[in-house]
Amino acid sequence: MSSHSTDKGPVVDDTAQEASGNSVAADIRISFKRWLVKNLRNPYVIFTSLVQPIIFFVLFVEVFGAIAGSTLSAALGPDISYVTYLSPAIIIMSTLSSAATSGIGLVDDMEEGMFEKMLVSPMNRSAMFFGKVLSEVARIVVQTVIVLLLGYLLLVLKNGAAFDQYLRTGAAGIVGVVLVTVIFGGAFMAYSNIVALVSRDQEATIMFTNLLTFPLVFVSSAFLPLSVLPGWIRTVAVFNPITYGVDSVRAIMLGQDVMTVFEMTAFGGIWNTVVPAVVILVGFNVLLGSIAIRLLRRAASIKVQ
């Protein structure tokens, strides 16, 4: 991309010029392509959203697998391996890491002046931001599938198990897991963009997103059942969206109700976990998303003025 200035002011770059006169669908496609390429070229985004969770996956399986085995047998039954139990936690961690970097690209655009250039271009504003969201959803989907396959590979290497012992709801379960991760990721995309729009600083965005999101993983049901954790962690877990993301993915993978935060019997089977968890995650999306949209509109109006 290139940009230059004239006596009449800054000239928007090639992306904005390409969007001139396009339909909304074409604007979404241009924005989607731009953000996808931008994120793929950022080594920090790739490392934190995919490489780091995979490292954690292997380390946790090797270090805590034997210790956690007896605890899981008592809580969920003897046929649940720690690899299967841990996979939802790593899937959610990968989604969390990917979503948490969402605001970094926005701050980067603000610092480089690209945000202002896009706003004064003919490109549809809603399409511009919707394309950004779609690019992040695409990353989450790909990462989820990669982590699922890695988990199955680890299980095969350790126990030689069949795929239906790893993901007990089959192909439908893969779709369910992906849908849950996208809904979960939406809430933390909004949070990351809220931090970015308030701080308008890349380092501050990275610091504040990691400061909240990383500790939240450990005060949830991610690595061990809540029943074996201290009381204060169980209390925090009730208000922690990561608990509901992990529990819903885990219920789909294990094919059983694993909700421990509260009792739910109205839906039956895995739906006693999935339905209330998804409803709560949608609530977080609505709350944080509305705040992010309001801040984004305010920032856009200020830039245009």
Protein backbone atom coordinates (compact mmCIF):
# COMPACT_ATOMS: atom_id res chain seq x y z
CA MET A 1 0.00 0.00 0.00
CA SER A 2 1.14 3.52 -0.63
CA SER A 3 0.03 7.02 0.29
CA HIS A 4 1.16 10.57 -0.42
CA SER A 5 0.05 14.14 0.27
CA THR A 6 -0.98 16.98 -2.00
CA ASP A 7 -1.88 20.61 -1.37
CA LYS A 8 -5.49 19.49 -0.93
CA GLY A 9 -4.65 17.10 1.90
CA PRO A 10 -3.78 13.43 2.30
CA VAL A 11 -4.65 10.99 -0.43
CA VAL A 12 -6.04 7.67 0.80
CA ASP A 13 -4.05 4.53 0.12
CA ASP A 14 -4.69 1.80 -2.46
CA THR A 15 -7.22 -0.08 -0.31
CA ALA A 16 -9.45 2.97 0.03
CA GLN A 17 -9.07 3.78 -3.66
CA GLU A 18 -10.01 0.23 -4.58
CA ALA A 19 -13.19 0.57 -2.48
CA SER A 20 -14.36 3.66 -4.40
CA GLY A 21 -17.77 3.03 -5.96
CA ASN A 22 -17.97 -0.58 -4.77
CA SER A 23 -21.04 -2.29 -3.34
CA VAL A 24 -21.25 -3.05 0.38
CA ALA A 25 -20.39 -6.71 -0.29
CA ALA A 26 -17.30 -5.68 -2.25
CA ASP A 27 -16.26 -3.28 0.53
CA ILE A 28 -16.59 -6.12 3.07
CA ARG A 29 -14.43 -8.35 0.89
CA ILE A 30 -11.73 -5.66 0.54
CA SER A 31 -11.71 -4.98 4.28
CA PHE A 32 -11.67 -8.71 5.07
CA LYS A 33 -8.67 -9.29 2.78
CA ARG A 34 -6.80 -6.28 4.16
CA TRP A 35 -7.19 -7.27 7.81
CA LEU A 36 -6.44 -10.93 7.17
CA VAL A 37 -3.18 -10.10 5.41
CA LYS A 38 -2.31 -7.48 8.05
CA ASN A 39 -2.73 -9.99 10.89
CA LEU A 40 -0.90 -12.81 9.12
CA ARG A 41 2.10 -10.52 8.62
CA ASN A 42 2.26 -9.69 12.33
CA PRO A 43 4.50 -12.25 14.11
CA TYR A 44 3.18 -11.22 17.55
CA VAL A 45 -0.40 -12.05 16.51
CA ILE A 46 0.60 -15.44 15.07
CA PHE A 47 2.65 -16.38 18.14
CA THR A 48 0.13 -15.36 20.80
CA SER A 49 -2.94 -16.72 19.02
CA LEU A 50 -1.63 -20.07 17.79
CA VAL A 51 1.95 -20.99 18.74
CA GLN A 52 1.66 -20.08 22.44
CA PRO A 53 -1.53 -22.14 23.09
CA ILE A 54 0.02 -25.15 21.34
CA ILE A 55 3.11 -24.90 23.57
CA PHE A 56 0.84 -24.73 26.63
CA PHE A 57 -1.11 -27.75 25.34
CA VAL A 58 1.95 -29.99 25.11
CA LEU A 59 3.43 -28.77 28.41
CA PHE A 60 0.21 -29.17 30.42
CA VAL A 61 -0.41 -32.66 29.04
CA GLU A 62 3.11 -33.78 29.91
CA VAL A 63 3.44 -32.02 33.27
CA PHE A 64 -0.06 -32.32 34.75
CA GLY A 65 -1.52 -35.27 32.85
CA ALA A 66 -0.54 -37.96 35.38
CA ILE A 67 -1.50 -35.83 38.40
CA ALA A 68 -4.87 -34.85 36.97
CA GLY A 69 -5.77 -38.38 35.90
CA SER A 70 -7.07 -39.57 39.26
CA THR A 71 -8.98 -36.32 39.84
CA LEU A 72 -10.73 -36.61 36.47
CA SER A 73 -11.58 -40.27 37.08
CA ALA A 74 -13.38 -39.31 40.27
CA ALA A 75 -15.15 -36.31 38.75
CA LEU A 76 -16.04 -37.45 35.21
CA GLY A 77 -15.37 -41.17 34.97
CA PRO A 78 -12.39 -43.45 34.27
CA ASP A 79 -12.63 -43.25 30.47
CA ILE A 80 -11.87 -39.49 30.22
CA SER A 81 -8.25 -38.76 29.34
CA TYR A 82 -6.58 -35.52 30.36
CA VAL A 83 -5.88 -34.73 26.68
CA THR A 84 -9.61 -34.81 25.94
CA TYR A 85 -10.39 -32.83 29.08
CA LEU A 86 -7.70 -30.22 28.36
CA SER A 87 -8.49 -29.72 24.66
CA PRO A 88 -11.46 -27.38 25.29
CA ALA A 89 -9.28 -25.23 27.55
CA ILE A 90 -6.60 -24.88 24.86
CA ILE A 91 -9.22 -24.20 22.18
CA ILE A 92 -10.68 -21.41 24.31
CA MET A 93 -7.20 -20.12 25.20
CA SER A 94 -6.31 -19.97 21.50
CA THR A 95 -9.57 -18.14 20.76
CA LEU A 96 -8.95 -15.78 23.66
CA SER A 97 -5.43 -14.98 22.49
CA SER A 98 -6.64 -14.34 18.94
CA ALA A 99 -9.55 -12.16 20.04
CA ALA A 100 -7.38 -10.22 22.50
CA THR A 101 -5.11 -9.07 19.64
CA SER A 102 -8.07 -7.57 17.77
CA GLY A 103 -7.50 -4.09 19.15
CA ILE A 104 -3.80 -4.06 18.29
CA GLY A 105 -4.47 -3.68 14.56
CA LEU A 106 -6.94 -0.88 15.25
CA VAL A 107 -4.41 1.05 17.34
CA ASP A 108 -1.79 0.44 14.68
CA ASP A 109 -4.10 2.02 12.08
CA MET A 110 -4.71 5.01 14.36
CA GLU A 111 -0.99 5.56 14.95
CA GLU A 112 -0.19 5.35 11.23
CA GLY A 113 -3.07 7.61 10.20
CA MET A 114 -4.73 4.80 8.25
CA PHE A 115 -7.88 4.91 10.42
CA GLU A 116 -8.56 8.52 9.43
CA LYS A 117 -7.85 7.84 5.75
CA MET A 118 -10.33 4.98 5.65
CA LEU A 119 -13.01 7.11 7.30
CA VAL A 120 -12.79 9.83 4.63
CA SER A 121 -12.70 7.29 1.80
CA PRO A 122 -15.83 6.27 -0.17
CA MET A 123 -15.75 2.90 1.61
CA ASN A 124 -18.88 1.97 3.58
CA ARG A 125 -18.01 2.30 7.29
CA SER A 126 -20.13 -0.61 8.44
CA ALA A 127 -18.59 -2.80 5.74
CA MET A 128 -15.12 -1.70 6.79
CA PHE A 129 -15.59 -2.86 10.39
CA PHE A 130 -17.63 -5.93 9.47
CA GLY A 131 -14.79 -7.08 7.21
CA LYS A 132 -12.40 -6.70 10.15
CA VAL A 133 -14.63 -8.87 12.35
CA LEU A 134 -14.95 -11.52 9.62
CA SER A 135 -11.17 -11.73 9.25
CA GLU A 136 -10.82 -12.40 12.97
CA VAL A 137 -13.63 -14.96 12.90
CA ALA A 138 -11.81 -16.74 10.05
CA ARG A 139 -8.64 -16.91 12.15
CA ILE A 140 -10.57 -18.31 15.11
CA VAL A 141 -12.18 -21.01 12.95
CA VAL A 142 -8.84 -22.12 11.48
CA GLN A 143 -7.13 -22.10 14.89
CA THR A 144 -9.94 -24.12 16.46
CA VAL A 145 -9.67 -26.83 13.81
CA ILE A 146 -5.87 -26.92 14.17
CA VAL A 147 -6.04 -27.31 17.97
CA LEU A 148 -8.72 -30.02 17.65
CA LEU A 149 -6.51 -31.98 15.27
CA LEU A 150 -3.46 -31.50 17.49
CA GLY A 151 -5.40 -32.76 20.51
CA TYR A 152 -6.46 -35.86 18.64
CA LEU A 153 -2.87 -36.45 17.50
CA LEU A 154 -1.64 -36.23 21.10
CA LEU A 155 -4.34 -38.65 22.22
CA VAL A 156 -3.41 -41.14 19.49
CA LEU A 157 0.27 -40.93 20.41
CA LYS A 158 -0.52 -41.53 24.09
CA ASN A 159 -3.43 -43.98 24.01
CA GLY A 160 -4.08 -44.92 20.38
CA ALA A 161 -7.69 -43.82 20.78
CA ALA A 162 -10.25 -43.51 17.99
CA PHE A 163 -11.63 -40.09 17.01
CA ASP A 164 -15.05 -40.78 18.56
CA GLN A 165 -13.34 -41.24 21.92
CA TYR A 166 -11.83 -37.78 21.54
CA LEU A 167 -14.83 -35.91 20.11
CA ARG A 168 -17.84 -37.97 21.14
CA THR A 169 -20.41 -35.96 19.20
CA GLY A 170 -18.70 -36.57 15.84
CA ALA A 171 -18.78 -34.18 12.89
CA ALA A 172 -21.71 -32.24 14.37
CA GLY A 173 -19.53 -31.67 17.41
CA ILE A 174 -16.84 -30.00 15.29
CA VAL A 175 -19.42 -27.53 14.00
CA GLY A 176 -20.70 -26.96 17.54
CA VAL A 177 -17.23 -26.32 18.92
CA VAL A 178 -16.46 -23.83 16.13
CA LEU A 179 -19.74 -21.96 16.70
CA VAL A 180 -19.11 -21.69 20.45
CA THR A 181 -15.56 -20.39 19.91
CA VAL A 182 -16.80 -17.74 17.47
CA ILE A 183 -19.44 -16.55 19.98
CA PHE A 184 -16.90 -16.61 22.80
CA GLY A 185 -14.30 -14.80 20.70
CA GLY A 186 -16.76 -12.03 19.86
CA ALA A 187 -16.93 -10.90 23.48
CA PHE A 188 -13.16 -10.60 23.81
CA MET A 189 -12.77 -8.96 20.39
CA ALA A 190 -15.09 -6.26 21.70
CA TYR A 191 -13.13 -5.99 24.95
CA SER A 192 -9.82 -5.68 23.09
CA ASN A 193 -11.21 -2.93 20.85
CA ILE A 194 -12.63 -1.10 23.89
CA VAL A 195 -9.14 -1.06 25.42
CA ALA A 196 -7.66 0.07 22.10
CA LEU A 197 -10.16 2.91 21.64
CA VAL A 198 -9.71 4.13 25.22
CA SER A 199 -5.91 3.87 25.40
CA ARG A 200 -5.08 4.60 21.72
CA ASP A 201 -1.68 3.05 22.45
CA GLN A 202 -0.41 -0.31 21.18
CA GLU A 203 1.71 -1.19 24.23
CA ALA A 204 -1.12 -0.26 26.62
CA THR A 205 -3.58 -2.37 24.62
CA ILE A 206 -1.30 -5.40 24.78
CA MET A 207 -0.64 -4.89 28.51
CA PHE A 208 -4.25 -4.38 29.61
CA THR A 209 -5.70 -7.19 27.49
CA ASN A 210 -3.11 -9.67 28.78
CA LEU A 211 -3.43 -8.36 32.33
CA LEU A 212 -7.10 -9.38 32.42
CA THR A 213 -7.42 -12.29 30.02
CA PHE A 214 -4.45 -14.45 31.08
CA PRO A 215 -5.30 -14.65 34.82
CA LEU A 216 -8.97 -15.32 33.97
CA VAL A 217 -7.97 -18.65 32.39
CA PHE A 218 -6.68 -19.91 35.75
CA VAL A 219 -9.78 -18.87 37.74
CA SER A 220 -12.11 -20.96 35.61
CA SER A 221 -12.85 -24.62 34.91
CA ALA A 222 -10.19 -24.69 32.19
CA PHE A 223 -7.58 -27.00 33.70
CA LEU A 224 -9.33 -28.80 36.56
CA PRO A 225 -12.95 -29.35 37.68
CA LEU A 226 -14.23 -26.51 39.87
CA SER A 227 -15.09 -29.00 42.60
CA VAL A 228 -11.40 -29.50 43.43
CA LEU A 229 -10.49 -25.80 43.37
CA PRO A 230 -10.58 -23.32 46.29
CA GLY A 231 -13.88 -21.65 47.16
CA TRP A 232 -12.83 -18.17 46.06
CA ILE A 233 -11.95 -19.48 42.58
CA ARG A 234 -15.37 -21.14 42.31
CA THR A 235 -16.94 -17.79 43.22
CA VAL A 236 -14.94 -15.88 40.58
CA ALA A 237 -15.67 -18.59 38.00
CA VAL A 238 -19.40 -17.80 38.17
CA PHE A 239 -18.73 -14.36 36.65
CA ASN A 240 -15.93 -15.48 34.33
CA PRO A 241 -16.93 -15.87 30.65
CA ILE A 242 -14.04 -18.29 30.13
CA THR A 243 -15.81 -20.79 32.41
CA TYR A 244 -18.84 -20.82 30.12
CA GLY A 245 -16.75 -21.02 26.96
CA VAL A 246 -14.71 -23.96 28.27
CA ASP A 247 -17.72 -25.79 29.74
CA SER A 248 -19.79 -25.55 26.56
CA VAL A 249 -16.92 -26.81 24.36
CA ARG A 250 -16.15 -29.55 26.90
CA ALA A 251 -19.79 -30.67 27.02
CA ILE A 252 -19.82 -30.98 23.22
CA MET A 253 -16.55 -32.93 23.15
CA LEU A 254 -17.41 -35.28 26.02
CA GLY A 255 -21.06 -35.64 25.05
CA GLN A 256 -22.24 -35.01 28.61
CA ASP A 257 -23.44 -32.29 30.95
CA VAL A 258 -20.38 -30.75 32.67
CA MET A 259 -21.92 -27.56 34.08
CA THR A 260 -20.70 -27.09 37.65
CA VAL A 261 -21.32 -23.37 38.19
CA PHE A 262 -25.04 -23.93 38.70
CA GLU A 263 -27.62 -26.69 38.31
CA MET A 264 -29.60 -26.84 35.06
CA THR A 265 -31.94 -29.71 34.15
CA ALA A 266 -34.46 -28.07 31.80
CA PHE A 267 -32.85 -29.09 28.48
CA GLY A 268 -31.35 -32.54 29.05
CA GLY A 269 -27.87 -33.96 28.36
CA ILE A 270 -25.19 -31.67 26.97
CA TRP A 271 -27.78 -28.95 26.36
CA ASN A 272 -27.98 -28.33 30.12
CA THR A 273 -24.46 -26.95 29.71
CA VAL A 274 -24.44 -25.59 26.16
CA VAL A 275 -27.69 -23.59 26.17
CA PRO A 276 -27.16 -21.52 29.35
CA ALA A 277 -23.44 -21.09 28.57
CA VAL A 278 -24.14 -19.76 25.07
CA VAL A 279 -26.89 -17.45 26.38
CA ILE A 280 -24.44 -15.99 28.92
CA LEU A 281 -21.73 -15.58 26.24
CA VAL A 282 -24.21 -13.82 23.94
CA GLY A 283 -25.01 -11.48 26.85
CA PHE A 284 -21.31 -10.62 27.19
CA ASN A 285 -21.22 -9.99 23.41
CA VAL A 286 -24.18 -7.62 23.57
CA LEU A 287 -22.81 -5.72 26.57
CA LEU A 288 -19.20 -5.34 25.41
CA GLY A 289 -20.13 -5.03 21.73
CA SER A 290 -22.47 -2.11 22.39
CA ILE A 291 -19.74 -0.31 24.34
CA ALA A 292 -17.18 -0.95 21.57
CA ILE A 293 -19.55 0.29 18.85
CA ARG A 294 -20.33 3.45 20.81
CA LEU A 295 -16.63 4.20 21.31
CA LEU A 296 -15.90 3.42 17.66
CA ARG A 297 -18.61 5.81 16.46
CA ARG A 298 -17.31 8.50 18.76
CA ALA A 299 -13.74 8.02 17.52
CA ALA A 300 -14.95 8.08 13.90
CA SER A 301 -16.93 11.30 14.36
CA ILE A 302 -13.96 13.00 16.02
CA LYS A 303 -11.57 11.92 13.25
CA VAL A 304 -13.91 13.12 10.49
CA GLN A 305 -14.41 16.49 12.16
